[in-house]
């Protein structure tokens, strides 16, 4: 279970006037199918390395100080469960908004997390996402992350 307060506490700073928080939740439908839950599978060591890389990139691109927090659930969640949590604290709101959006979008494109939906009729299906194969070149530089 992910805890938003933990993320909020982590990115809080007395010098910051802004905080952006993104929560991804399990919804009850997708592509016309009634969803009852989702299972997430993760390539742990590579995912941790890539999440750190994303945060490093966010800091490098920032014009002001930031604090960033990313957490993704692994395992099964029922509808309504929080599957991903991204929080950013910064001096001003624009940087917090933009960095939070950068982190969640890049997580979806680059981090090896797979999503399997469970439907009301008992069937399951892997959700088509962004292929990591398209990022083969960029993944090679993370080979040392173990």
N, C-alpha and C. Protein backbone atom coordinates (compact mmCIF):
# COMPACT_ATOMS: atom_id res chain seq x y z
N UNK A 1 0.84 -1.18 0.00
CA UNK A 1 0.00 0.00 0.00
C UNK A 1 0.89 1.25 0.00
N UNK A 2 0.56 2.20 -0.85
CA UNK A 2 1.31 3.45 -0.94
C UNK A 2 0.64 4.49 -0.05
N UNK A 3 1.46 5.32 0.57
CA UNK A 3 0.95 6.30 1.53
C UNK A 3 1.32 7.71 1.09
N UNK A 4 0.35 8.47 0.57
CA UNK A 4 0.64 9.83 0.10
C UNK A 4 1.29 10.73 1.15
N UNK A 5 0.93 10.57 2.41
CA UNK A 5 1.51 11.44 3.44
C UNK A 5 3.02 11.27 3.53
N UNK A 6 3.49 10.06 3.29
CA UNK A 6 4.93 9.80 3.30
C UNK A 6 5.62 10.62 2.20
N UNK A 7 5.02 10.67 1.03
CA UNK A 7 5.57 11.45 -0.08
C UNK A 7 5.53 12.94 0.24
N UNK A 8 4.41 13.39 0.78
CA UNK A 8 4.26 14.80 1.13
C UNK A 8 5.32 15.20 2.15
N UNK A 9 5.50 14.39 3.17
CA UNK A 9 6.51 14.68 4.19
C UNK A 9 7.91 14.75 3.57
N UNK A 10 8.20 13.85 2.62
CA UNK A 10 9.53 13.80 2.01
C UNK A 10 9.83 15.05 1.20
N UNK A 11 8.86 15.57 0.46
CA UNK A 11 9.13 16.72 -0.42
C UNK A 11 8.86 18.07 0.25
N UNK A 12 8.45 18.05 1.50
CA UNK A 12 8.19 19.30 2.22
C UNK A 12 9.49 19.96 2.63
N UNK A 13 9.55 21.26 2.44
CA UNK A 13 10.72 22.06 2.81
C UNK A 13 10.23 23.46 3.13
N UNK A 14 10.76 24.06 4.17
CA UNK A 14 10.30 25.40 4.57
C UNK A 14 10.60 26.46 3.52
N UNK A 15 11.52 26.19 2.61
CA UNK A 15 11.84 27.13 1.54
C UNK A 15 11.00 26.95 0.29
N UNK A 16 10.16 25.94 0.29
CA UNK A 16 9.33 25.65 -0.88
C UNK A 16 7.93 26.22 -0.71
N UNK A 17 7.42 26.82 -1.77
CA UNK A 17 6.07 27.34 -1.76
C UNK A 17 5.11 26.49 -2.56
N UNK A 18 5.61 25.39 -3.12
CA UNK A 18 4.75 24.57 -3.98
C UNK A 18 5.02 23.09 -3.80
N UNK A 19 3.97 22.33 -4.03
CA UNK A 19 4.06 20.88 -4.01
C UNK A 19 3.06 20.35 -5.03
N UNK A 20 3.51 19.43 -5.86
CA UNK A 20 2.63 18.78 -6.82
C UNK A 20 2.60 17.31 -6.47
N UNK A 21 1.40 16.74 -6.44
CA UNK A 21 1.23 15.34 -6.06
C UNK A 21 0.36 14.65 -7.11
N UNK A 22 0.86 13.53 -7.63
CA UNK A 22 0.10 12.73 -8.58
C UNK A 22 -0.13 11.36 -7.97
N UNK A 23 -1.39 10.93 -7.97
CA UNK A 23 -1.75 9.58 -7.54
C UNK A 23 -2.40 8.88 -8.71
N UNK A 24 -1.88 7.72 -9.07
CA UNK A 24 -2.50 6.89 -10.10
C UNK A 24 -3.32 5.82 -9.39
N UNK A 25 -4.60 5.68 -9.75
CA UNK A 25 -5.50 4.74 -9.09
C UNK A 25 -6.05 3.74 -10.09
N UNK A 26 -6.45 2.59 -9.58
CA UNK A 26 -7.06 1.55 -10.42
C UNK A 26 -8.51 1.96 -10.69
N UNK A 27 -8.85 2.04 -11.98
CA UNK A 27 -10.24 2.38 -12.34
C UNK A 27 -11.00 1.10 -12.69
N UNK A 28 -12.31 1.19 -12.72
CA UNK A 28 -13.14 0.00 -12.89
C UNK A 28 -13.44 -0.37 -14.34
N UNK A 29 -12.80 0.30 -15.29
CA UNK A 29 -13.04 -0.03 -16.69
C UNK A 29 -11.85 0.35 -17.55
N UNK A 30 -11.69 -0.36 -18.64
CA UNK A 30 -10.66 -0.04 -19.62
C UNK A 30 -11.05 -0.67 -20.95
N UNK A 31 -11.10 0.14 -21.98
CA UNK A 31 -11.42 -0.33 -23.33
C UNK A 31 -12.70 -1.17 -23.37
N UNK A 32 -13.70 -0.70 -22.63
CA UNK A 32 -14.99 -1.36 -22.63
C UNK A 32 -15.10 -2.60 -21.76
N UNK A 33 -14.06 -2.91 -21.03
CA UNK A 33 -14.09 -4.09 -20.15
C UNK A 33 -14.21 -3.65 -18.70
N UNK A 34 -14.98 -4.41 -17.92
CA UNK A 34 -15.16 -4.10 -16.50
C UNK A 34 -13.99 -4.70 -15.70
N UNK A 35 -13.19 -3.84 -15.12
CA UNK A 35 -11.98 -4.23 -14.39
C UNK A 35 -12.30 -4.37 -12.90
N UNK A 36 -11.81 -5.45 -12.28
CA UNK A 36 -11.98 -5.64 -10.84
C UNK A 36 -10.67 -5.46 -10.07
N UNK A 37 -9.55 -5.50 -10.79
CA UNK A 37 -8.26 -5.31 -10.16
C UNK A 37 -7.14 -5.35 -11.18
N UNK A 38 -5.95 -5.05 -10.72
CA UNK A 38 -4.77 -5.02 -11.59
C UNK A 38 -3.60 -5.64 -10.84
N UNK A 39 -2.80 -6.42 -11.55
CA UNK A 39 -1.54 -6.95 -11.02
C UNK A 39 -0.39 -6.24 -11.72
N UNK A 40 0.58 -5.82 -10.94
CA UNK A 40 1.78 -5.18 -11.49
C UNK A 40 2.97 -6.08 -11.24
N UNK A 41 3.78 -6.24 -12.28
CA UNK A 41 5.04 -6.96 -12.16
C UNK A 41 6.14 -5.98 -12.51
N UNK A 42 7.27 -6.09 -11.82
CA UNK A 42 8.34 -5.11 -11.95
C UNK A 42 9.68 -5.83 -12.03
N UNK A 43 10.55 -5.34 -12.89
CA UNK A 43 11.95 -5.78 -12.92
C UNK A 43 12.63 -4.88 -11.89
N UNK A 44 12.69 -5.35 -10.64
CA UNK A 44 13.05 -4.52 -9.49
C UNK A 44 14.36 -3.74 -9.64
N UNK A 45 15.46 -4.43 -9.91
CA UNK A 45 16.75 -3.74 -9.91
C UNK A 45 16.83 -2.69 -11.00
N UNK A 46 16.35 -2.99 -12.20
CA UNK A 46 16.38 -2.01 -13.28
C UNK A 46 15.40 -0.87 -12.99
N UNK A 47 14.23 -1.20 -12.46
CA UNK A 47 13.25 -0.16 -12.14
C UNK A 47 13.80 0.82 -11.12
N UNK A 48 14.43 0.32 -10.07
CA UNK A 48 14.99 1.22 -9.05
C UNK A 48 16.06 2.12 -9.64
N UNK A 49 16.91 1.54 -10.48
CA UNK A 49 17.96 2.31 -11.12
C UNK A 49 17.37 3.40 -12.02
N UNK A 50 16.37 3.04 -12.80
CA UNK A 50 15.77 4.01 -13.72
C UNK A 50 14.99 5.09 -12.98
N UNK A 51 14.34 4.75 -11.88
CA UNK A 51 13.64 5.77 -11.09
C UNK A 51 14.64 6.78 -10.53
N UNK A 52 15.78 6.28 -10.06
CA UNK A 52 16.83 7.18 -9.58
C UNK A 52 17.33 8.07 -10.72
N UNK A 53 17.50 7.48 -11.89
CA UNK A 53 17.94 8.24 -13.06
C UNK A 53 16.94 9.34 -13.40
N UNK A 54 15.65 9.03 -13.35
CA UNK A 54 14.62 10.04 -13.63
C UNK A 54 14.71 11.21 -12.65
N UNK A 55 14.87 10.87 -11.39
CA UNK A 55 14.98 11.94 -10.38
C UNK A 55 16.24 12.76 -10.61
N UNK A 56 17.36 12.10 -10.94
CA UNK A 56 18.60 12.83 -11.26
C UNK A 56 18.39 13.76 -12.44
N UNK A 57 17.69 13.30 -13.47
CA UNK A 57 17.40 14.13 -14.64
C UNK A 57 16.53 15.33 -14.26
N UNK A 58 15.55 15.09 -13.41
CA UNK A 58 14.68 16.19 -12.97
C UNK A 58 15.50 17.26 -12.26
N UNK A 59 16.40 16.84 -11.38
CA UNK A 59 17.25 17.81 -10.67
C UNK A 59 18.16 18.55 -11.64
N UNK A 60 18.71 17.84 -12.59
CA UNK A 60 19.62 18.46 -13.57
C UNK A 60 18.90 19.50 -14.41
N UNK A 61 17.64 19.23 -14.77
CA UNK A 61 16.87 20.15 -15.62
C UNK A 61 16.21 21.28 -14.85
N UNK A 62 16.22 21.20 -13.55
CA UNK A 62 15.52 22.21 -12.74
C UNK A 62 16.31 23.51 -12.65
N UNK A 63 15.57 24.58 -12.63
CA UNK A 63 16.19 25.89 -12.46
C UNK A 63 16.22 26.29 -10.99
N UNK A 64 15.51 25.56 -10.16
CA UNK A 64 15.42 25.85 -8.73
C UNK A 64 15.56 24.55 -7.96
N UNK A 65 15.80 24.63 -6.65
CA UNK A 65 15.90 23.40 -5.85
C UNK A 65 14.59 22.61 -5.89
N UNK A 66 14.72 21.28 -5.85
CA UNK A 66 13.58 20.37 -5.88
C UNK A 66 13.77 19.25 -4.88
N UNK A 67 12.67 18.66 -4.48
CA UNK A 67 12.67 17.36 -3.81
C UNK A 67 11.67 16.51 -4.57
N UNK A 68 12.07 15.29 -4.92
CA UNK A 68 11.22 14.42 -5.72
C UNK A 68 11.03 13.07 -5.02
N UNK A 69 9.85 12.50 -5.21
CA UNK A 69 9.50 11.22 -4.62
C UNK A 69 8.71 10.42 -5.65
N UNK A 70 9.13 9.18 -5.90
CA UNK A 70 8.39 8.29 -6.81
C UNK A 70 8.27 6.93 -6.13
N UNK A 71 7.07 6.37 -6.18
CA UNK A 71 6.86 5.02 -5.66
C UNK A 71 5.80 4.34 -6.52
N UNK A 72 6.04 3.06 -6.85
CA UNK A 72 5.08 2.29 -7.64
C UNK A 72 4.78 0.99 -6.92
N UNK A 73 3.53 0.61 -6.93
CA UNK A 73 3.07 -0.61 -6.28
C UNK A 73 3.49 -1.82 -7.11
N UNK A 74 3.76 -2.93 -6.42
CA UNK A 74 4.04 -4.22 -7.07
C UNK A 74 3.11 -5.25 -6.45
N UNK A 75 2.42 -6.01 -7.30
CA UNK A 75 1.48 -7.00 -6.81
C UNK A 75 0.07 -6.69 -7.29
N UNK A 76 -0.93 -7.20 -6.57
CA UNK A 76 -2.33 -7.06 -6.96
C UNK A 76 -3.00 -5.94 -6.18
N UNK A 77 -3.80 -5.14 -6.90
CA UNK A 77 -4.61 -4.07 -6.29
C UNK A 77 -6.04 -4.15 -6.79
N UNK A 78 -6.99 -3.96 -5.90
CA UNK A 78 -8.40 -3.85 -6.28
C UNK A 78 -8.67 -2.47 -6.86
N UNK A 79 -9.82 -2.32 -7.51
CA UNK A 79 -10.27 -1.02 -8.01
C UNK A 79 -10.22 0.00 -6.87
N UNK A 80 -9.71 1.18 -7.17
CA UNK A 80 -9.59 2.25 -6.19
C UNK A 80 -8.23 2.31 -5.53
N UNK A 81 -7.45 1.23 -5.62
CA UNK A 81 -6.12 1.22 -5.01
C UNK A 81 -5.17 2.18 -5.70
N UNK A 82 -4.23 2.71 -4.95
CA UNK A 82 -3.23 3.63 -5.49
C UNK A 82 -2.05 2.80 -6.00
N UNK A 83 -1.78 2.92 -7.31
CA UNK A 83 -0.72 2.13 -7.93
C UNK A 83 0.58 2.90 -8.10
N UNK A 84 0.51 4.21 -8.22
CA UNK A 84 1.72 5.00 -8.40
C UNK A 84 1.55 6.35 -7.70
N UNK A 85 2.67 6.82 -7.17
CA UNK A 85 2.68 8.05 -6.40
C UNK A 85 3.91 8.85 -6.80
N UNK A 86 3.69 10.09 -7.23
CA UNK A 86 4.78 11.00 -7.57
C UNK A 86 4.53 12.31 -6.86
N UNK A 87 5.54 12.81 -6.19
CA UNK A 87 5.42 14.10 -5.50
C UNK A 87 6.67 14.92 -5.78
N UNK A 88 6.47 16.23 -5.94
CA UNK A 88 7.57 17.15 -6.17
C UNK A 88 7.34 18.40 -5.33
N UNK A 89 8.35 18.79 -4.60
CA UNK A 89 8.33 20.05 -3.87
C UNK A 89 9.32 20.99 -4.52
N UNK A 90 8.94 22.27 -4.65
CA UNK A 90 9.83 23.26 -5.25
C UNK A 90 9.47 24.65 -4.77
N UNK A 91 10.27 25.59 -5.17
CA UNK A 91 10.05 26.98 -4.76
C UNK A 91 8.74 27.52 -5.34
N UNK A 92 8.47 27.22 -6.61
CA UNK A 92 7.29 27.75 -7.29
C UNK A 92 6.48 26.63 -7.95
N UNK A 93 5.18 26.88 -8.15
CA UNK A 93 4.26 25.86 -8.64
C UNK A 93 4.57 25.36 -10.05
N UNK A 94 4.99 26.25 -10.95
CA UNK A 94 5.22 25.82 -12.33
C UNK A 94 6.26 24.71 -12.40
N UNK A 95 7.36 24.87 -11.67
CA UNK A 95 8.40 23.85 -11.67
C UNK A 95 7.89 22.56 -11.03
N UNK A 96 7.08 22.68 -9.98
CA UNK A 96 6.52 21.48 -9.34
C UNK A 96 5.59 20.74 -10.30
N UNK A 97 4.70 21.48 -11.00
CA UNK A 97 3.79 20.86 -11.96
C UNK A 97 4.56 20.16 -13.08
N UNK A 98 5.49 20.91 -13.69
CA UNK A 98 6.22 20.39 -14.85
C UNK A 98 7.08 19.19 -14.48
N UNK A 99 7.72 19.23 -13.33
CA UNK A 99 8.57 18.12 -12.92
C UNK A 99 7.74 16.89 -12.59
N UNK A 100 6.63 17.08 -11.93
CA UNK A 100 5.74 15.96 -11.62
C UNK A 100 5.26 15.30 -12.91
N UNK A 101 4.87 16.09 -13.88
CA UNK A 101 4.42 15.54 -15.16
C UNK A 101 5.57 14.82 -15.87
N UNK A 102 6.76 15.42 -15.88
CA UNK A 102 7.92 14.77 -16.49
C UNK A 102 8.16 13.40 -15.85
N UNK A 103 8.13 13.33 -14.54
CA UNK A 103 8.43 12.08 -13.84
C UNK A 103 7.41 10.99 -14.15
N UNK A 104 6.13 11.30 -14.13
CA UNK A 104 5.14 10.26 -14.39
C UNK A 104 5.16 9.83 -15.86
N UNK A 105 5.35 10.75 -16.78
CA UNK A 105 5.40 10.39 -18.20
C UNK A 105 6.62 9.53 -18.49
N UNK A 106 7.76 9.90 -17.97
CA UNK A 106 8.99 9.13 -18.22
C UNK A 106 8.93 7.77 -17.52
N UNK A 107 8.34 7.71 -16.35
CA UNK A 107 8.16 6.42 -15.67
C UNK A 107 7.37 5.48 -16.60
N UNK A 108 6.28 5.97 -17.17
CA UNK A 108 5.44 5.16 -18.04
C UNK A 108 6.20 4.67 -19.28
N UNK A 109 7.10 5.49 -19.80
CA UNK A 109 7.84 5.15 -21.02
C UNK A 109 9.08 4.31 -20.77
N UNK A 110 9.74 4.49 -19.63
CA UNK A 110 11.08 3.94 -19.47
C UNK A 110 11.26 2.88 -18.39
N UNK A 111 10.35 2.79 -17.47
CA UNK A 111 10.57 1.90 -16.33
C UNK A 111 9.85 0.56 -16.58
N UNK A 112 10.56 -0.56 -16.37
CA UNK A 112 9.98 -1.88 -16.66
C UNK A 112 8.96 -2.34 -15.61
N UNK A 113 7.73 -1.87 -15.83
CA UNK A 113 6.60 -2.23 -14.98
C UNK A 113 5.49 -2.70 -15.91
N UNK A 114 4.99 -3.91 -15.66
CA UNK A 114 3.96 -4.49 -16.51
C UNK A 114 2.65 -4.60 -15.75
N UNK A 115 1.55 -4.36 -16.47
CA UNK A 115 0.23 -4.26 -15.87
C UNK A 115 -0.70 -5.31 -16.48
N UNK A 116 -1.26 -6.15 -15.60
CA UNK A 116 -2.22 -7.17 -16.04
C UNK A 116 -3.57 -6.86 -15.38
N UNK A 117 -4.59 -6.64 -16.21
CA UNK A 117 -5.92 -6.37 -15.69
C UNK A 117 -6.68 -7.67 -15.43
N UNK A 118 -7.50 -7.63 -14.40
CA UNK A 118 -8.38 -8.75 -14.05
C UNK A 118 -9.81 -8.26 -14.25
N UNK A 119 -10.60 -9.01 -15.05
CA UNK A 119 -11.93 -8.58 -15.44
C UNK A 119 -13.01 -9.32 -14.66
N UNK A 120 -14.19 -8.72 -14.64
CA UNK A 120 -15.31 -9.26 -13.88
C UNK A 120 -15.70 -10.68 -14.33
N UNK A 121 -15.44 -11.00 -15.59
CA UNK A 121 -15.80 -12.33 -16.12
C UNK A 121 -14.73 -13.39 -15.80
N UNK A 122 -13.70 -13.02 -15.04
CA UNK A 122 -12.65 -13.96 -14.66
C UNK A 122 -11.45 -13.99 -15.59
N UNK A 123 -11.56 -13.35 -16.74
CA UNK A 123 -10.44 -13.29 -17.67
C UNK A 123 -9.42 -12.25 -17.22
N UNK A 124 -8.23 -12.33 -17.79
CA UNK A 124 -7.18 -11.35 -17.53
C UNK A 124 -6.58 -10.92 -18.86
N UNK A 125 -5.90 -9.79 -18.84
CA UNK A 125 -5.23 -9.32 -20.05
C UNK A 125 -4.12 -8.35 -19.71
N UNK A 126 -2.97 -8.54 -20.37
CA UNK A 126 -1.87 -7.61 -20.20
C UNK A 126 -2.21 -6.32 -20.94
N UNK A 127 -1.99 -5.20 -20.29
CA UNK A 127 -2.28 -3.90 -20.89
C UNK A 127 -1.14 -3.52 -21.82
N UNK A 128 -1.50 -3.11 -23.03
CA UNK A 128 -0.50 -2.65 -23.98
C UNK A 128 0.02 -1.31 -23.50
N UNK A 129 1.31 -1.24 -23.32
CA UNK A 129 1.93 0.00 -22.86
C UNK A 129 2.96 0.47 -23.85
N UNK A 130 3.91 1.19 -23.34
CA UNK A 130 5.00 1.70 -24.15
C UNK A 130 6.10 0.65 -24.18
N UNK A 131 6.49 0.25 -25.35
CA UNK A 131 7.49 -0.79 -25.50
C UNK A 131 8.86 -0.32 -25.07
N UNK A 132 9.48 -1.10 -24.18
CA UNK A 132 10.86 -0.78 -23.80
C UNK A 132 11.80 -1.04 -24.97
N UNK A 133 11.38 -1.84 -25.92
CA UNK A 133 12.23 -2.11 -27.09
C UNK A 133 12.54 -0.82 -27.84
N UNK A 134 11.63 0.12 -27.82
CA UNK A 134 11.86 1.39 -28.49
C UNK A 134 12.95 2.19 -27.79
N UNK A 135 13.25 1.82 -26.57
CA UNK A 135 14.25 2.54 -25.79
C UNK A 135 15.52 1.72 -25.59
N UNK A 136 15.75 0.73 -26.44
CA UNK A 136 16.89 -0.15 -26.29
C UNK A 136 18.19 0.63 -26.19
N UNK A 137 18.35 1.60 -27.04
CA UNK A 137 19.59 2.37 -27.06
C UNK A 137 19.80 3.08 -25.72
N UNK A 138 18.77 3.73 -25.21
CA UNK A 138 18.93 4.46 -23.95
C UNK A 138 19.09 3.52 -22.76
N UNK A 139 18.53 2.29 -22.84
CA UNK A 139 18.67 1.35 -21.72
C UNK A 139 20.08 0.82 -21.60
N UNK A 140 20.83 0.78 -22.69
CA UNK A 140 22.19 0.25 -22.64
C UNK A 140 23.05 1.03 -21.64
N UNK A 141 22.84 2.31 -21.52
CA UNK A 141 23.67 3.09 -20.59
C UNK A 141 23.35 2.78 -19.13
N UNK A 142 22.26 2.05 -18.85
CA UNK A 142 21.89 1.70 -17.49
C UNK A 142 22.31 0.28 -17.13
N UNK A 143 23.10 -0.32 -18.00
CA UNK A 143 23.49 -1.71 -17.81
C UNK A 143 24.19 -1.95 -16.46
N UNK A 144 24.88 -0.94 -15.96
CA UNK A 144 25.60 -1.10 -14.70
C UNK A 144 24.69 -1.01 -13.49
N UNK A 145 23.46 -0.64 -13.67
CA UNK A 145 22.51 -0.53 -12.54
C UNK A 145 22.06 -1.93 -12.15
N UNK A 146 22.47 -2.41 -11.02
CA UNK A 146 22.08 -3.74 -10.56
C UNK A 146 21.66 -3.65 -9.11
